[in-house]
Amino acid sequence: MEFTRIYDQVGAYALMSKAKARKLYEFVLREKPRCVFEMGAHRGGSALIMAAALQELGTGTVTTFDFQDIHGLAPNIESLINRSHLHKFISVVCSDWCYEWELGKLLESRRTPRNRIIPFVDFAYIDGGHYWTSTGFTFYLITKLLRPGGWLLLDDLDWMIEKHESTGNSYARRISTEAKRRPMVRMVFDLLVRTSNSYHNCRIAANGSWGWAQKKDGPGNPPTPKRGSGNHQHRTARRTLSERC
């Protein structure tokens, strides 16, 4: 599906400018990822923009993660998927607790008898949580699942609790004033992503709101086995997610 068409349908729910949405769409067209993970679905606007690019390519799946609460939004992600007719290119995973738990179960399914994790994700877009704890841990888990050569994108680098979080949020009330004034996603990008031996080609884009990084090839990131290889027993449990990519 062409960019203009999908943006007209879901752009109002993508939580990003049209210029950023186009860049995301064009990135998917250029890099041709077969397996895309998005952490933070909300109404599904950004996931569907990526799914539309995959439809143009004729292959690939966006798996987007969030809480069960998103089903109560109006419009919700299911209604936007129905509107766009992109069912074949998007999968939604909702958790009662946290999507980090879902990633943990995926790690279990990709673990070999020799205690290696077989990576399968080509592009990971982290746009959820925004806290130091959740974003930092999500980055750690995603790194295990991301293929060498795959790309990572962190959104909202300058998001701060003081400016964006509801004062009625019981979790936010327990956080110190110092922490509320710090851009936690940027901390993850600067202190964890940039300093990681697993990544290179780190850069800031989109007027400082995006942080890009590419996973390295090398001894610390062994090449991904060919599709169809590996221990079948360990890969069967989560086939609906990892095997479709």
Protein backbone atom coordinates (compact mmCIF):
# COMPACT_ATOMS: atom_id res chain seq x y z
CA MET A 1 0.00 0.00 0.00
CA GLU A 2 1.32 3.44 -0.93
CA PHE A 3 2.34 5.77 1.89
CA THR A 4 -0.23 8.47 1.16
CA ARG A 5 -3.06 5.96 1.28
CA ILE A 6 -2.07 4.35 4.59
CA TYR A 7 -1.30 7.70 6.19
CA ASP A 8 -4.72 9.00 5.24
CA GLN A 9 -6.26 5.99 6.97
CA VAL A 10 -4.22 5.78 10.18
CA GLY A 11 -1.87 8.77 10.33
CA ALA A 12 -3.93 10.53 12.98
CA TYR A 13 -3.22 7.59 15.32
CA ALA A 14 0.48 7.10 14.56
CA LEU A 15 1.64 9.51 17.32
CA MET A 16 4.26 10.97 14.99
CA SER A 17 4.47 13.65 12.33
CA LYS A 18 3.80 12.84 8.68
CA ALA A 19 7.50 13.41 7.93
CA LYS A 20 8.57 10.86 10.55
CA ALA A 21 5.93 8.39 9.40
CA ARG A 22 7.22 8.66 5.83
CA LYS A 23 10.80 8.08 6.98
CA LEU A 24 9.72 4.97 8.87
CA TYR A 25 7.80 3.69 5.84
CA GLU A 26 10.73 4.36 3.50
CA PHE A 27 13.18 2.69 5.90
CA VAL A 28 11.14 -0.53 5.74
CA LEU A 29 10.97 -0.34 1.95
CA ARG A 30 14.73 0.17 1.72
CA GLU A 31 15.93 -2.38 4.28
CA LYS A 32 13.28 -5.04 3.53
CA PRO A 33 13.01 -6.55 7.04
CA ARG A 34 11.04 -9.78 7.12
CA CYS A 35 10.43 -9.69 10.87
CA VAL A 36 9.63 -6.36 12.56
CA PHE A 37 8.95 -5.94 16.28
CA GLU A 38 7.27 -2.84 17.68
CA MET A 39 7.21 -2.35 21.44
CA GLY A 40 4.23 -0.11 22.19
CA ALA A 41 1.25 -0.62 19.87
CA HIS A 42 -1.27 1.90 21.25
CA ARG A 43 -3.86 2.29 18.46
CA GLY A 44 -1.57 0.69 15.89
CA GLY A 45 -0.90 3.65 13.60
CA SER A 46 2.88 3.26 13.35
CA ALA A 47 2.66 -0.54 13.12
CA LEU A 48 0.23 -0.28 10.21
CA ILE A 49 2.46 2.22 8.41
CA MET A 50 5.26 -0.36 8.56
CA ALA A 51 2.84 -3.13 7.60
CA ALA A 52 1.79 -1.13 4.54
CA ALA A 53 5.43 -0.96 3.44
CA LEU A 54 5.73 -4.73 3.90
CA GLN A 55 2.65 -5.19 1.76
CA GLU A 56 4.38 -3.18 -0.96
CA LEU A 57 7.32 -5.59 -0.68
CA GLY A 58 5.00 -8.60 -0.67
CA THR A 59 6.51 -10.24 2.41
CA GLY A 60 7.14 -9.75 6.13
CA THR A 61 5.26 -9.27 9.38
CA VAL A 62 5.05 -6.53 11.99
CA THR A 63 4.46 -7.92 15.49
CA THR A 64 3.37 -5.15 17.82
CA PHE A 65 3.24 -5.54 21.62
CA ASP A 66 1.28 -3.73 24.31
CA PHE A 67 -1.08 -4.14 27.29
CA GLN A 68 -4.59 -5.59 27.07
CA ASP A 69 -5.88 -2.09 27.88
CA ILE A 70 -5.41 -0.96 24.28
CA HIS A 71 -8.50 -2.92 23.25
CA GLY A 72 -10.58 -0.30 25.07
CA LEU A 73 -9.31 2.60 22.97
CA ALA A 74 -11.57 4.13 20.34
CA PRO A 75 -10.66 3.49 17.63
CA ASN A 76 -8.57 0.52 18.71
CA ILE A 77 -5.94 -1.38 16.82
CA GLU A 78 -8.33 -4.07 15.61
CA SER A 79 -10.63 -1.52 13.99
CA LEU A 80 -7.68 0.16 12.24
CA ILE A 81 -6.42 -3.20 10.98
CA ASN A 82 -9.88 -3.89 9.58
CA ARG A 83 -9.93 -0.45 7.98
CA SER A 84 -6.58 -0.96 6.27
CA HIS A 85 -7.03 -4.64 5.28
CA LEU A 86 -3.45 -5.41 6.31
CA HIS A 87 -4.23 -8.51 8.38
CA LYS A 88 -1.61 -10.62 6.60
CA PHE A 89 1.20 -8.25 7.52
CA ILE A 90 0.54 -7.48 11.19
CA SER A 91 0.22 -9.45 14.43
CA VAL A 92 -0.83 -8.03 17.80
CA VAL A 93 0.44 -9.42 21.12
CA CYS A 94 -1.22 -8.05 24.25
CA SER A 95 -0.13 -8.87 27.78
CA ASP A 96 -1.91 -8.58 31.12
CA TRP A 97 1.41 -7.73 32.77
CA CYS A 98 4.20 -6.47 30.50
CA TYR A 99 5.58 -7.14 27.04
CA GLU A 100 8.99 -7.87 28.53
CA TRP A 101 7.41 -11.10 29.79
CA GLU A 102 6.35 -11.98 26.24
CA LEU A 103 9.91 -11.34 25.05
CA GLY A 104 11.16 -13.61 27.81
CA LYS A 105 8.97 -16.44 26.55
CA LEU A 106 10.32 -15.88 23.07
CA LEU A 107 13.86 -16.18 24.41
CA GLU A 108 12.90 -19.53 25.94
CA SER A 109 11.62 -20.74 22.59
CA ARG A 110 14.82 -19.67 20.78
CA ARG A 111 17.25 -21.17 23.30
CA THR A 112 19.33 -24.07 21.99
CA PRO A 113 20.68 -27.04 23.99
CA ARG A 114 24.03 -25.20 23.99
CA ASN A 115 22.45 -22.17 25.66
CA ARG A 116 22.53 -19.89 22.64
CA ILE A 117 19.63 -17.70 21.58
CA ILE A 118 18.78 -17.95 17.88
CA PRO A 119 17.94 -14.39 16.77
CA PHE A 120 15.24 -13.79 14.17
CA VAL A 121 14.15 -10.12 14.37
CA ASP A 122 15.35 -7.83 11.56
CA PHE A 123 14.10 -4.49 12.89
CA ALA A 124 12.96 -3.49 16.38
CA TYR A 125 11.12 -0.23 17.07
CA ILE A 126 10.91 0.63 20.78
CA ASP A 127 8.17 3.17 21.48
CA GLY A 128 6.67 2.04 24.77
CA GLY A 129 7.31 2.27 28.48
CA HIS A 130 9.68 5.25 28.30
CA TYR A 131 10.96 4.54 31.81
CA TRP A 132 14.62 3.80 32.48
CA THR A 133 13.71 0.38 33.88
CA SER A 134 11.31 -0.82 31.19
CA THR A 135 13.17 0.67 28.20
CA GLY A 136 16.55 -0.52 29.46
CA PHE A 137 15.34 -4.06 30.04
CA THR A 138 13.48 -4.11 26.72
CA PHE A 139 16.71 -3.09 24.97
CA TYR A 140 18.56 -5.96 26.66
CA LEU A 141 15.93 -8.52 25.60
CA ILE A 142 15.59 -7.20 22.06
CA THR A 143 19.36 -7.36 21.60
CA LYS A 144 19.16 -11.12 22.20
CA LEU A 145 16.48 -11.49 19.50
CA LEU A 146 17.87 -9.07 16.90
CA ARG A 147 19.81 -10.57 14.01
CA PRO A 148 23.37 -9.35 13.29
CA GLY A 149 22.94 -6.54 10.80
CA GLY A 150 19.45 -5.79 12.11
CA TRP A 151 18.36 -2.31 13.12
CA LEU A 152 17.12 -0.84 16.39
CA LEU A 153 15.12 2.39 16.69
CA LEU A 154 14.27 4.14 19.96
CA ASP A 155 11.59 6.83 19.81
CA ASP A 156 10.92 9.78 22.13
CA LEU A 157 14.49 10.23 23.32
CA ASP A 158 13.60 13.40 25.23
CA TRP A 159 10.40 12.11 26.88
CA MET A 160 10.28 13.04 30.58
CA ILE A 161 7.86 11.97 33.29
CA GLU A 162 7.53 15.55 34.54
CA LYS A 163 6.19 16.74 31.18
CA HIS A 164 4.17 13.77 30.00
CA GLU A 165 3.11 11.42 32.78
CA SER A 166 -0.19 11.85 34.60
CA THR A 167 0.18 13.09 38.18
CA GLY A 168 -2.40 10.46 39.11
CA ASN A 169 -0.13 7.62 38.06
CA SER A 170 0.68 5.77 41.29
CA TYR A 171 3.97 4.43 39.90
CA ALA A 172 5.11 7.89 38.78
CA ARG A 173 4.39 9.36 42.22
CA ARG A 174 7.02 7.04 43.73
CA ILE A 175 9.75 8.28 41.39
CA SER A 176 12.14 10.97 42.60
CA THR A 177 11.93 14.53 41.30
CA GLU A 178 15.42 14.14 39.82
CA ALA A 179 14.35 11.09 37.82
CA LYS A 180 11.15 12.76 36.64
CA ARG A 181 13.24 15.50 35.05
CA ARG A 182 15.58 13.17 33.17
CA PRO A 183 14.96 11.99 29.57
CA MET A 184 15.06 8.29 30.35
CA VAL A 185 14.93 6.94 26.79
CA ARG A 186 17.91 9.11 25.89
CA MET A 187 19.72 7.71 28.93
CA VAL A 188 19.14 4.20 27.56
CA PHE A 189 20.42 5.23 24.14
CA ASP A 190 23.50 7.09 25.44
CA LEU A 191 24.46 4.79 28.31
CA LEU A 192 23.40 1.35 27.06
CA VAL A 193 23.10 1.39 23.27
CA ARG A 194 26.05 3.64 22.38
CA THR A 195 28.37 1.91 24.84
CA SER A 196 27.36 -1.63 23.81
CA ASN A 197 29.91 -3.73 21.95
CA SER A 198 27.01 -5.28 20.04
CA TYR A 199 26.06 -2.10 18.12
CA HIS A 200 27.52 0.41 15.70
CA ASN A 201 26.21 3.05 13.29
CA CYS A 202 24.53 4.84 16.18
CA ARG A 203 22.97 8.16 15.25
CA ILE A 204 20.33 10.66 16.30
CA ALA A 205 17.64 11.66 13.80
CA ALA A 206 14.20 13.27 13.46
CA ASN A 207 15.15 16.49 15.25
CA GLY A 208 16.64 14.58 18.16
CA SER A 209 13.66 12.33 18.86
CA TRP A 210 14.96 9.12 17.26
CA GLY A 211 17.99 7.02 18.14
CA TRP A 212 19.16 4.50 15.51
CA ALA A 213 21.67 1.67 15.95
CA GLN A 214 22.67 -1.39 13.94
CA LYS A 215 23.66 -4.69 15.46
CA LYS A 216 27.20 -5.74 14.54
CA ASP A 217 28.39 -8.90 12.90
CA GLY A 218 31.25 -10.54 14.74
CA PRO A 219 32.30 -13.02 17.45
CA GLY A 220 29.86 -11.60 19.98
CA ASN A 221 27.02 -11.79 17.47
CA PRO A 222 27.34 -15.11 15.62
CA PRO A 223 25.64 -15.39 12.22
CA THR A 224 22.01 -16.45 12.31
CA PRO A 225 21.49 -20.10 11.30
CA LYS A 226 19.64 -20.68 8.05
CA ARG A 227 15.86 -20.71 8.31
CA GLY A 228 14.67 -24.15 9.20
CA SER A 229 17.81 -25.12 11.12
CA GLY A 230 18.19 -25.29 14.89
CA ASN A 231 16.48 -27.30 17.60
CA HIS A 232 12.84 -27.86 16.60
CA GLN A 233 11.72 -28.75 20.10
CA HIS A 234 12.76 -25.39 21.50
CA ARG A 235 11.21 -23.43 18.63
CA THR A 236 7.75 -25.00 18.51
CA ALA A 237 6.16 -23.34 21.56
CA ARG A 238 6.07 -19.82 20.13
CA ARG A 239 5.66 -20.68 16.47
CA THR A 240 2.93 -18.10 15.94
CA LEU A 241 5.47 -15.35 16.51
CA SER A 242 9.00 -16.45 15.66
CA GLU A 243 8.31 -19.01 12.93
CA ARG A 244 6.13 -16.70 10.86
CA CYS A 245 9.02 -14.23 10.54
